[in-house]
Amino acid sequence: MTVLILTSEEDVTADLVVLRLGEAGVPVVRFDPADLTNGVALSGEYMGGSCGGHLSVGGRLVSLDGVRSVWVRRPGKAALRAAQPSAWLTEESTQALYGMLRCTGARWMNHPDAARRARQKPWQLRLAQLSGLAVPATLITTFPQAAREFAERFPDLVVKPVSGSHPQEPPRAVPTSRVAPDTDFTAVAYGPTLLQRRVAKQADIRLTAVGNTLLAARKRTDPDAHPDDVDVRFAPSASPWRAAEVPPRVAEAVRRYLADAELSYGAFDFAEDTDGDWWFLECNQSGQFGFVELDTGQPIAATIARWLAGDEEPPQPYVNGERDTAR
């Protein structure tokens, strides 16, 4: 049985997992859907009450019946590198590839339907609340007056994008920034703006969830850090990531979040305040983990490899491309 990994050729994070799968003797086929019709080919048959199909990747033929699991890591748009790419060809190729994979008995990390929904920040915030996670006061609005009133209630705010990365090639990360006290918020009318109460943090937390396994890491905030350095990805810091224990209440809430979101993998970001409480910021359904493993030595890649190899029960209720309503 083969593990199928859909990601770009430059994805070094996926390389870590491929290495662990190879060490375990698990067959792996990795390709970027962007290469469909340009080095990657597919075929599916539906007849006599049954279905089946094949993928050809770099001359290697893989039966879809033999796919054990599918890791949708960071794939490109289908057929993007075709000889004559077009929006129509991308849509045709997307439906063909993912439609065929949905017909298999493979487990997903993460299922495309769940992953698409999981990227929506407003839904994330509400699910976190319902799961029992602490969420900072947040407003998403295009009403300037609503933003002004929110700023009066919570004078210390940050602003962040609703959707994440800026849509360019390659995608550019947009940092979370502190809102200046004299901001008048007129520009809010031109696009949805996410404002959130700034957590006076003593540490950043990255919790990587793989199936039922939770691996948390903590990065201490430097005591002399400037209050405007709110985004751990861009703030200067000499503090390394260190392995951390997950509070039982947080662990229970995270597992509830994963079950309700129907995710097998999630990279959770928290801000730890001066009382030691963890405040939910977001959950990236395909977040990076290599930098955490490098600092902490936590076996994240090996844990993902074991999950893909079938050594742990998947928490999400997607079976054979359909939602299992018995759960």
Protein backbone atom coordinates (compact mmCIF):
# COMPACT_ATOMS: atom_id res chain seq x y z
CA MET A 1 0.00 0.00 0.00
CA THR A 2 1.30 3.41 -1.07
CA VAL A 3 1.32 6.79 0.66
CA LEU A 4 0.49 9.60 -1.77
CA ILE A 5 1.89 13.05 -0.99
CA LEU A 6 0.58 16.05 -2.91
CA THR A 7 2.97 18.97 -2.58
CA SER A 8 5.50 21.11 -4.40
CA GLU A 9 8.96 19.86 -5.25
CA GLU A 10 10.51 22.58 -3.04
CA ASP A 11 8.62 21.51 0.11
CA VAL A 12 11.48 20.62 2.47
CA THR A 13 9.01 19.97 5.30
CA ALA A 14 7.55 17.10 3.30
CA ASP A 15 11.09 15.81 2.75
CA LEU A 16 11.34 15.06 6.47
CA VAL A 17 8.28 12.83 6.36
CA VAL A 18 9.34 11.11 3.13
CA LEU A 19 12.62 10.23 4.84
CA ARG A 20 10.83 8.67 7.82
CA LEU A 21 8.46 6.70 5.57
CA GLY A 22 11.45 5.41 3.61
CA GLU A 23 13.15 4.29 6.82
CA ALA A 24 9.98 2.36 7.69
CA GLY A 25 9.86 0.71 4.26
CA VAL A 26 6.55 2.37 3.31
CA PRO A 27 6.16 3.03 -0.45
CA VAL A 28 5.71 6.73 -1.22
CA VAL A 29 4.66 8.57 -4.36
CA ARG A 30 5.04 12.32 -4.24
CA PHE A 31 3.98 14.77 -6.92
CA ASP A 32 2.61 18.25 -7.47
CA PRO A 33 -0.83 18.41 -9.13
CA ALA A 34 0.59 21.39 -11.04
CA ASP A 35 2.46 18.80 -13.15
CA LEU A 36 -0.68 17.05 -14.41
CA THR A 37 -0.36 16.49 -18.19
CA ASN A 38 3.31 17.44 -17.85
CA GLY A 39 4.95 14.38 -16.33
CA VAL A 40 1.90 13.24 -14.34
CA ALA A 41 -0.98 11.32 -15.95
CA LEU A 42 -4.18 9.80 -14.61
CA SER A 43 -6.90 7.40 -15.68
CA GLY A 44 -10.12 6.20 -14.03
CA GLU A 45 -12.72 3.59 -15.02
CA TYR A 46 -16.31 3.28 -13.82
CA MET A 47 -18.07 0.21 -15.16
CA GLY A 48 -19.89 -2.89 -14.07
CA GLY A 49 -20.69 -1.42 -10.66
CA SER A 50 -17.03 -0.84 -9.74
CA CYS A 51 -14.40 1.81 -10.21
CA GLY A 52 -10.63 1.92 -10.35
CA GLY A 53 -7.83 3.97 -11.73
CA HIS A 54 -4.13 4.69 -12.04
CA LEU A 55 -1.68 7.51 -11.66
CA SER A 56 1.57 7.74 -13.57
CA VAL A 57 4.23 9.85 -11.85
CA GLY A 58 7.66 10.06 -13.42
CA GLY A 59 7.06 6.78 -15.22
CA ARG A 60 5.92 5.00 -12.06
CA LEU A 61 2.41 3.52 -12.29
CA VAL A 62 0.30 3.53 -9.13
CA SER A 63 -3.07 1.82 -8.72
CA LEU A 64 -5.58 3.99 -6.87
CA ASP A 65 -6.81 0.83 -5.15
CA GLY A 66 -3.37 0.57 -3.57
CA VAL A 67 -3.32 4.08 -2.04
CA ARG A 68 -3.13 3.78 1.74
CA SER A 69 -3.32 7.48 2.60
CA VAL A 70 -3.20 10.91 0.97
CA TRP A 71 -1.29 13.80 2.52
CA VAL A 72 -2.52 17.02 0.93
CA ARG A 73 0.45 19.04 2.06
CA ARG A 74 0.94 22.15 -0.11
CA PRO A 75 -0.11 21.25 -3.66
CA GLY A 76 -0.04 23.66 -6.57
CA LYS A 77 -3.02 24.36 -8.79
CA ALA A 78 -3.76 21.38 -11.01
CA ALA A 79 -2.17 21.50 -14.48
CA LEU A 80 -0.57 24.87 -13.77
CA ARG A 81 2.58 23.77 -15.61
CA ALA A 82 0.77 22.19 -18.55
CA ALA A 83 1.94 22.99 -22.07
CA GLN A 84 -1.05 25.29 -22.49
CA PRO A 85 -2.38 26.11 -19.00
CA SER A 86 -5.78 27.71 -18.56
CA ALA A 87 -8.41 28.20 -15.88
CA TRP A 88 -10.59 25.66 -17.69
CA LEU A 89 -7.84 23.02 -17.75
CA THR A 90 -7.12 23.63 -14.06
CA GLU A 91 -10.77 23.07 -13.17
CA GLU A 92 -11.01 19.96 -15.34
CA SER A 93 -7.81 18.53 -13.84
CA THR A 94 -8.79 19.41 -10.27
CA GLN A 95 -12.11 17.62 -10.57
CA ALA A 96 -10.52 14.61 -12.26
CA LEU A 97 -7.70 14.16 -9.73
CA TYR A 98 -9.48 14.85 -6.47
CA GLY A 99 -12.67 13.21 -7.68
CA MET A 100 -10.80 9.98 -8.35
CA LEU A 101 -8.97 10.12 -5.03
CA ARG A 102 -12.27 10.57 -3.20
CA CYS A 103 -13.35 7.21 -4.62
CA THR A 104 -10.52 5.35 -2.91
CA GLY A 105 -10.48 3.89 0.57
CA ALA A 106 -7.56 6.14 1.53
CA ARG A 107 -7.37 8.15 4.72
CA TRP A 108 -6.75 11.87 4.34
CA MET A 109 -4.45 14.40 5.97
CA ASN A 110 -6.45 16.53 5.48
CA HIS A 111 -9.57 15.85 3.45
CA PRO A 112 -9.97 18.65 0.85
CA ASP A 113 -13.46 19.56 2.06
CA ALA A 114 -12.32 19.84 5.67
CA ALA A 115 -9.16 21.70 4.69
CA ARG A 116 -11.05 24.27 2.62
CA ARG A 117 -13.39 25.05 5.49
CA ALA A 118 -10.59 25.03 8.08
CA ARG A 119 -8.85 27.94 6.35
CA GLN A 120 -11.72 30.30 7.12
CA LYS A 121 -10.60 32.46 10.07
CA PRO A 122 -14.09 33.50 11.29
CA TRP A 123 -15.15 29.85 11.41
CA GLN A 124 -11.93 28.95 13.23
CA LEU A 125 -12.60 31.52 15.94
CA ARG A 126 -16.15 30.32 16.52
CA LEU A 127 -15.13 26.66 16.55
CA ALA A 128 -12.39 27.47 19.07
CA GLN A 129 -14.96 29.13 21.31
CA LEU A 130 -17.32 26.17 21.05
CA SER A 131 -14.44 23.77 21.73
CA GLY A 132 -13.61 25.48 25.01
CA LEU A 133 -10.48 27.40 23.96
CA ALA A 134 -9.91 30.95 25.18
CA VAL A 135 -10.20 33.41 22.27
CA PRO A 136 -9.18 37.10 22.51
CA ALA A 137 -11.93 39.61 21.80
CA THR A 138 -12.07 39.91 18.00
CA LEU A 139 -13.92 42.02 15.44
CA ILE A 140 -14.07 41.41 11.67
CA THR A 141 -15.77 44.33 9.97
CA THR A 142 -16.08 46.74 7.07
CA PHE A 143 -17.89 49.30 9.27
CA PRO A 144 -15.45 52.05 10.34
CA GLN A 145 -17.69 53.08 13.23
CA ALA A 146 -17.80 49.50 14.53
CA ALA A 147 -13.99 49.45 14.45
CA ARG A 148 -13.80 52.76 16.34
CA GLU A 149 -16.18 51.53 19.03
CA PHE A 150 -14.25 48.28 19.35
CA ALA A 151 -11.02 50.25 19.78
CA GLU A 152 -12.64 52.30 22.54
CA ARG A 153 -13.56 49.10 24.39
CA PHE A 154 -10.16 47.46 23.76
CA PRO A 155 -7.56 50.22 23.33
CA ASP A 156 -4.65 47.82 22.76
CA LEU A 157 -5.33 46.05 19.45
CA VAL A 158 -3.59 44.16 16.68
CA VAL A 159 -4.68 43.86 13.07
CA LYS A 160 -4.17 40.76 10.95
CA PRO A 161 -5.41 39.45 7.58
CA VAL A 162 -8.60 37.44 7.49
CA SER A 163 -7.31 35.03 4.85
CA GLY A 164 -3.61 34.65 5.70
CA SER A 165 -0.99 34.98 2.98
CA HIS A 166 -1.08 37.66 0.33
CA PRO A 167 -2.12 36.13 -3.04
CA GLN A 168 1.10 36.43 -4.99
CA GLU A 169 3.67 33.97 -6.32
CA PRO A 170 5.33 32.93 -4.16
CA PRO A 171 2.79 33.71 -1.40
CA ARG A 172 3.97 36.44 0.98
CA ALA A 173 3.19 36.23 4.68
CA VAL A 174 1.40 39.29 6.05
CA PRO A 175 2.49 40.01 9.62
CA THR A 176 0.19 40.70 12.54
CA SER A 177 0.71 44.36 13.48
CA ARG A 178 -0.14 46.54 16.44
CA VAL A 179 -2.78 49.21 15.81
CA ALA A 180 -1.64 52.77 16.46
CA PRO A 181 -3.65 54.62 19.15
CA ASP A 182 -4.62 57.44 16.78
CA THR A 183 -5.99 55.20 13.99
CA ASP A 184 -9.31 56.51 12.62
CA PHE A 185 -10.28 53.26 10.80
CA THR A 186 -11.75 54.99 7.72
CA ALA A 187 -9.95 52.51 5.44
CA VAL A 188 -11.84 49.61 7.05
CA ALA A 189 -14.67 50.33 4.59
CA TYR A 190 -12.52 49.12 1.69
CA GLY A 191 -12.13 45.52 2.85
CA PRO A 192 -12.83 43.17 5.77
CA THR A 193 -10.48 43.97 8.64
CA LEU A 194 -9.71 41.67 11.57
CA LEU A 195 -9.01 43.49 14.84
CA GLN A 196 -8.11 41.57 17.97
CA ARG A 197 -7.27 42.45 21.55
CA ARG A 198 -3.51 42.17 22.01
CA VAL A 199 -2.52 39.50 24.51
CA ALA A 200 0.29 40.70 26.78
CA LYS A 201 2.21 37.48 26.33
CA GLN A 202 5.12 35.88 28.10
CA ALA A 203 5.50 33.19 25.45
CA ASP A 204 4.30 31.92 22.08
CA ILE A 205 2.97 28.37 21.84
CA ARG A 206 2.94 26.16 18.76
CA LEU A 207 0.92 23.01 19.28
CA THR A 208 1.21 20.46 16.48
CA ALA A 209 -1.64 17.95 16.42
CA VAL A 210 -1.19 14.73 14.45
CA GLY A 211 -4.21 12.48 14.84
CA ASN A 212 -4.55 12.01 18.60
CA THR A 213 -0.96 13.04 19.34
CA LEU A 214 -0.35 16.59 20.62
CA LEU A 215 3.18 18.03 20.57
CA ALA A 216 3.54 21.52 22.04
CA ALA A 217 6.49 23.89 21.93
CA ARG A 218 7.02 27.15 23.81
CA LYS A 219 9.08 30.18 22.79
CA ARG A 220 9.66 32.61 25.62
CA THR A 221 9.09 36.31 24.89
CA ASP A 222 12.23 38.30 25.59
CA PRO A 223 11.70 40.52 28.66
CA ASP A 224 12.98 43.58 26.78
CA ALA A 225 10.92 42.88 23.63
CA HIS A 226 9.22 45.91 22.11
CA PRO A 227 5.39 45.82 22.51
CA ASP A 228 5.05 46.33 18.75
CA ASP A 229 6.84 43.04 18.05
CA VAL A 230 3.66 40.99 18.26
CA ASP A 231 4.23 38.46 15.44
CA VAL A 232 6.62 35.69 16.50
CA ARG A 233 7.46 35.00 12.83
CA PHE A 234 9.01 38.44 12.40
CA ALA A 235 10.00 39.53 15.93
CA PRO A 236 13.73 39.41 16.73
CA SER A 237 14.41 36.82 19.42
CA ALA A 238 17.27 34.74 20.73
CA SER A 239 14.97 32.36 22.58
CA PRO A 240 14.66 28.87 21.05
CA TRP A 241 11.53 26.75 20.95
CA ARG A 242 11.35 24.31 23.86
CA ALA A 243 9.08 21.30 24.31
CA ALA A 244 6.14 22.10 26.59
CA GLU A 245 3.41 20.22 28.42
CA VAL A 246 -0.13 20.72 27.16
CA PRO A 247 -2.56 21.70 29.94
CA PRO A 248 -5.29 19.01 30.21
CA ARG A 249 -8.07 21.53 29.58
CA VAL A 250 -6.35 22.76 26.42
CA ALA A 251 -5.66 19.21 25.24
CA GLU A 252 -9.32 18.28 25.61
CA ALA A 253 -10.44 21.41 23.76
CA VAL A 254 -7.93 20.90 20.93
CA ARG A 255 -9.06 17.33 20.38
CA ARG A 256 -12.66 18.53 20.32
CA TYR A 257 -11.69 21.18 17.76
CA LEU A 258 -9.99 18.58 15.54
CA ALA A 259 -12.95 16.22 15.73
CA ASP A 260 -15.47 18.94 14.89
CA ALA A 261 -13.25 20.36 12.14
CA GLU A 262 -12.68 16.83 10.78
CA LEU A 263 -8.93 17.39 10.65
CA SER A 264 -6.14 14.86 11.06
CA TYR A 265 -3.45 17.53 11.28
CA GLY A 266 -3.45 21.04 12.70
CA ALA A 267 -0.78 23.55 13.71
CA PHE A 268 -2.27 25.62 16.54
CA ASP A 269 -0.85 28.97 17.57
CA PHE A 270 -1.48 30.29 21.09
CA ALA A 271 -0.30 33.30 23.07
CA GLU A 272 0.52 32.51 26.70
CA ASP A 273 -0.29 35.46 28.96
CA THR A 274 1.43 36.42 32.21
CA ASP A 275 -0.99 34.21 34.17
CA GLY A 276 0.03 31.17 32.10
CA ASP A 277 -3.27 30.97 30.20
CA TRP A 278 -3.18 29.93 26.53
CA TRP A 279 -5.14 32.16 24.11
CA PHE A 280 -6.10 30.67 20.74
CA LEU A 281 -4.90 32.67 17.75
CA GLU A 282 -5.37 30.31 14.82
CA CYS A 283 -5.11 26.76 13.50
CA ASN A 284 -3.25 26.23 10.24
CA GLN A 285 -4.41 22.97 8.67
CA SER A 286 -1.13 22.64 6.73
CA GLY A 287 1.24 24.57 8.97
CA GLN A 288 5.01 24.13 8.97
CA PHE A 289 6.65 22.08 11.72
CA GLY A 290 10.29 21.68 10.70
CA PHE A 291 11.49 24.69 12.70
CA VAL A 292 9.89 23.28 15.86
CA GLU A 293 11.35 19.82 15.36
CA LEU A 294 14.77 21.33 14.72
CA ASP A 295 14.74 23.27 18.01
CA THR A 296 12.97 20.76 20.26
CA GLY A 297 13.83 17.37 18.80
CA GLN A 298 10.15 16.45 18.94
CA PRO A 299 9.42 13.58 16.50
CA ILE A 300 6.76 15.42 14.49
CA ALA A 301 7.83 14.06 11.09
CA ALA A 302 7.99 10.52 12.46
CA THR A 303 4.54 10.92 14.02
CA ILE A 304 3.08 12.08 10.70
CA ALA A 305 4.79 9.19 8.93
CA ARG A 306 3.26 6.69 11.38
CA TRP A 307 -0.17 8.21 10.85
CA LEU A 308 0.17 8.05 7.07
CA ALA A 309 1.37 4.46 7.34
CA GLY A 310 -1.84 3.58 9.17
CA ASP A 311 -0.52 3.12 12.70
CA GLU A 312 -3.11 5.41 14.29
CA GLU A 313 -6.85 5.73 13.85
CA PRO A 314 -7.87 8.88 11.96
CA PRO A 315 -10.12 11.22 13.96
CA GLN A 316 -11.92 12.72 10.97
CA PRO A 317 -15.17 11.08 9.80
CA TYR A 318 -14.32 10.92 6.08
CA VAL A 319 -14.33 7.38 4.73
CA ASN A 320 -14.02 6.46 1.05
CA GLY A 321 -14.43 10.09 0.07
CA GLU A 322 -17.78 10.35 1.85
CA ARG A 323 -18.74 11.68 5.22
CA ASP A 324 -19.45 8.93 7.73
CA THR A 325 -22.75 9.98 9.28
CA ALA A 326 -22.64 7.11 11.78
CA ARG A 327 -20.20 9.09 13.94
